[in-house]
C-alpha atoms as a PDB file:
ATOM      1  CA  UNK A   1     181.148 208.022 140.100  1.00  0.00           C
ATOM      2  CA  UNK A   2     181.480 211.822 140.219  1.00  0.00           C
ATOM      3  CA  UNK A   3     178.538 213.734 138.381  1.00  0.00           C
ATOM      4  CA  UNK A   4     177.457 216.892 137.403  1.00  0.00           C
ATOM      5  CA  UNK A   5     174.278 217.329 138.010  1.00  0.00           C
ATOM      6  CA  UNK A   6     172.203 220.299 137.305  1.00  0.00           C
ATOM      7  CA  UNK A   7     168.228 221.040 137.067  1.00  0.00           C
ATOM      8  CA  UNK A   8     166.726 220.628 133.164  1.00  0.00           C
ATOM      9  CA  UNK A   9     164.909 223.001 133.922  1.00  0.00           C
ATOM     10  CA  UNK A  10     166.978 226.009 135.822  1.00  0.00           C
ATOM     11  CA  UNK A  11     164.165 225.894 138.052  1.00  0.00           C
ATOM     12  CA  UNK A  12     166.974 227.167 141.398  1.00  0.00           C
ATOM     13  CA  UNK A  13     165.590 228.236 144.293  1.00  0.00           C
ATOM     14  CA  UNK A  14     167.305 231.923 145.462  1.00  0.00           C
ATOM     15  CA  UNK A  15     168.392 231.360 148.664  1.00  0.00           C
ATOM     16  CA  UNK A  16     169.759 227.805 150.482  1.00  0.00           C
ATOM     17  CA  UNK A  17     166.954 225.559 151.864  1.00  0.00           C
ATOM     18  CA  UNK A  18     163.908 227.340 150.023  1.00  0.00           C
ATOM     19  CA  UNK A  19     163.167 224.421 148.274  1.00  0.00           C
ATOM     20  CA  UNK A  20     163.850 220.948 147.762  1.00  0.00           C
ATOM     21  CA  UNK A  21     163.104 219.002 145.027  1.00  0.00           C
ATOM     22  CA  UNK A  22     160.449 216.365 144.377  1.00  0.00           C
ATOM     23  CA  UNK A  23     161.031 212.494 142.843  1.00  0.00           C
ATOM     24  CA  UNK A  24     159.274 213.858 139.382  1.00  0.00           C
ATOM     25  CA  UNK A  25     162.470 216.360 138.518  1.00  0.00           C
ATOM     26  CA  UNK A  26     164.378 215.931 135.279  1.00  0.00           C
ATOM     27  CA  UNK A  27     168.131 216.403 136.210  1.00  0.00           C
ATOM     28  CA  UNK A  28     171.153 217.130 133.116  1.00  0.00           C
ATOM     29  CA  UNK A  29     173.910 214.997 134.964  1.00  0.00           C
ATOM     30  CA  UNK A  30     177.538 214.859 132.916  1.00  0.00           C
ATOM     31  CA  UNK A  31     180.179 212.322 134.583  1.00  0.00           C
ATOM     32  CA  UNK A  32     183.012 213.287 135.060  1.00  0.00           C
ATOM     33  CA  UNK A  33     185.282 210.651 134.000  1.00  0.00           C
ATOM     34  CA  UNK A  34     184.099 210.785 130.530  1.00  0.00           C
ATOM     35  CA  UNK A  35     181.992 213.692 129.688  1.00  0.00           C
ATOM     36  CA  UNK A  36     179.111 212.076 128.919  1.00  0.00           C
ATOM     37  CA  UNK A  37     175.495 213.183 128.966  1.00  0.00           C
ATOM     38  CA  UNK A  38     172.106 211.343 130.889  1.00  0.00           C
ATOM     39  CA  UNK A  39     169.170 212.872 132.125  1.00  0.00           C
ATOM     40  CA  UNK A  40     167.608 211.121 134.613  1.00  0.00           C
ATOM     41  CA  UNK A  41     164.549 212.449 137.360  1.00  0.00           C
ATOM     42  CA  UNK A  42     165.351 212.788 141.164  1.00  0.00           C
ATOM     43  CA  UNK A  43     163.447 209.842 142.060  1.00  0.00           C
ATOM     44  CA  UNK A  44     164.980 207.611 138.897  1.00  0.00           C
ATOM     45  CA  UNK A  45     169.034 208.973 140.382  1.00  0.00           C
ATOM     46  CA  UNK A  46     167.792 208.076 144.360  1.00  0.00           C
ATOM     47  CA  UNK A  47     168.093 204.544 143.617  1.00  0.00           C
ATOM     48  CA  UNK A  48     170.349 204.532 141.487  1.00  0.00           C
ATOM     49  CA  UNK A  49     172.965 205.544 144.243  1.00  0.00           C
ATOM     50  CA  UNK A  50     171.835 203.398 146.697  1.00  0.00           C
ATOM     51  CA  UNK A  51     170.617 200.195 144.126  1.00  0.00           C
ATOM     52  CA  UNK A  52     172.138 200.638 141.257  1.00  0.00           C
ATOM     53  CA  UNK A  53     170.514 199.545 137.481  1.00  0.00           C
ATOM     54  CA  UNK A  54     167.634 197.968 138.193  1.00  0.00           C
ATOM     55  CA  UNK A  55     163.649 198.555 136.233  1.00  0.00           C
ATOM     56  CA  UNK A  56     162.804 201.573 139.472  1.00  0.00           C
ATOM     57  CA  UNK A  57     166.592 202.993 138.646  1.00  0.00           C
ATOM     58  CA  UNK A  58     165.726 203.222 134.440  1.00  0.00           C
ATOM     59  CA  UNK A  59     168.278 202.839 131.657  1.00  0.00           C
ATOM     60  CA  UNK A  60     171.868 205.173 132.312  1.00  0.00           C
ATOM     61  CA  UNK A  61     174.902 204.576 129.298  1.00  0.00           C
ATOM     62  CA  UNK A  62     177.429 204.970 132.753  1.00  0.00           C
ATOM     63  CA  UNK A  63     179.578 202.796 132.806  1.00  0.00           C
ATOM     64  CA  UNK A  64     179.061 202.459 136.142  1.00  0.00           C
ATOM     65  CA  UNK A  65     176.851 200.428 138.288  1.00  0.00           C
ATOM     66  CA  UNK A  66     176.250 203.020 140.963  1.00  0.00           C
ATOM     67  CA  UNK A  67     175.620 201.655 145.003  1.00  0.00           C
ATOM     68  CA  UNK A  68     176.979 203.856 146.251  1.00  0.00           C
ATOM     69  CA  UNK A  69     176.271 203.497 149.484  1.00  0.00           C
ATOM     70  CA  UNK A  70     176.459 199.276 149.785  1.00  0.00           C
ATOM     71  CA  UNK A  71     177.804 198.644 152.054  1.00  0.00           C
ATOM     72  CA  UNK A  72     177.067 201.443 154.370  1.00  0.00           C
ATOM     73  CA  UNK A  73     179.678 203.909 156.096  1.00  0.00           C
ATOM     74  CA  UNK A  74     181.924 200.741 156.770  1.00  0.00           C
ATOM     75  CA  UNK A  75     182.814 200.084 153.840  1.00  0.00           C
ATOM     76  CA  UNK A  76     182.818 203.411 151.963  1.00  0.00           C
ATOM     77  CA  UNK A  77     179.529 204.370 150.542  1.00  0.00           C
ATOM     78  CA  UNK A  78     179.113 208.551 150.677  1.00  0.00           C
ATOM     79  CA  UNK A  79     177.516 211.389 149.027  1.00  0.00           C
ATOM     80  CA  UNK A  80     178.714 214.560 148.983  1.00  0.00           C
ATOM     81  CA  UNK A  81     177.245 217.582 147.463  1.00  0.00           C
ATOM     82  CA  UNK A  82     179.589 220.103 146.736  1.00  0.00           C
ATOM     83  CA  UNK A  83     179.409 222.843 144.128  1.00  0.00           C
ATOM     84  CA  UNK A  84     181.043 222.799 141.137  1.00  0.00           C
ATOM     85  CA  UNK A  85     184.210 223.507 140.419  1.00  0.00           C
ATOM     86  CA  UNK A  86     185.243 224.203 136.690  1.00  0.00           C
ATOM     87  CA  UNK A  87     188.037 225.241 137.127  1.00  0.00           C
ATOM     88  CA  UNK A  88     189.328 221.415 137.174  1.00  0.00           C
ATOM     89  CA  UNK A  89     187.147 220.524 134.347  1.00  0.00           C
END
């Protein structure tokens, strides 16, 4: 899945690496395949990406099942942190 993710509070640092997000910070997410929006905490997003849908990942409206890291590197599991390029939307 491709997600466009922003901090809901918008409290970004002025320099890269100046701070890290906490598990309870709320994220605004938009799934690129259908442009639907969801809000989840950092912890819920990580749980969804690793283990998929469960009680710890919260309720997702995405058609995807998560588990982006299932099977590890050998199975092609990966996450990519990439700057958003608005020209491709």
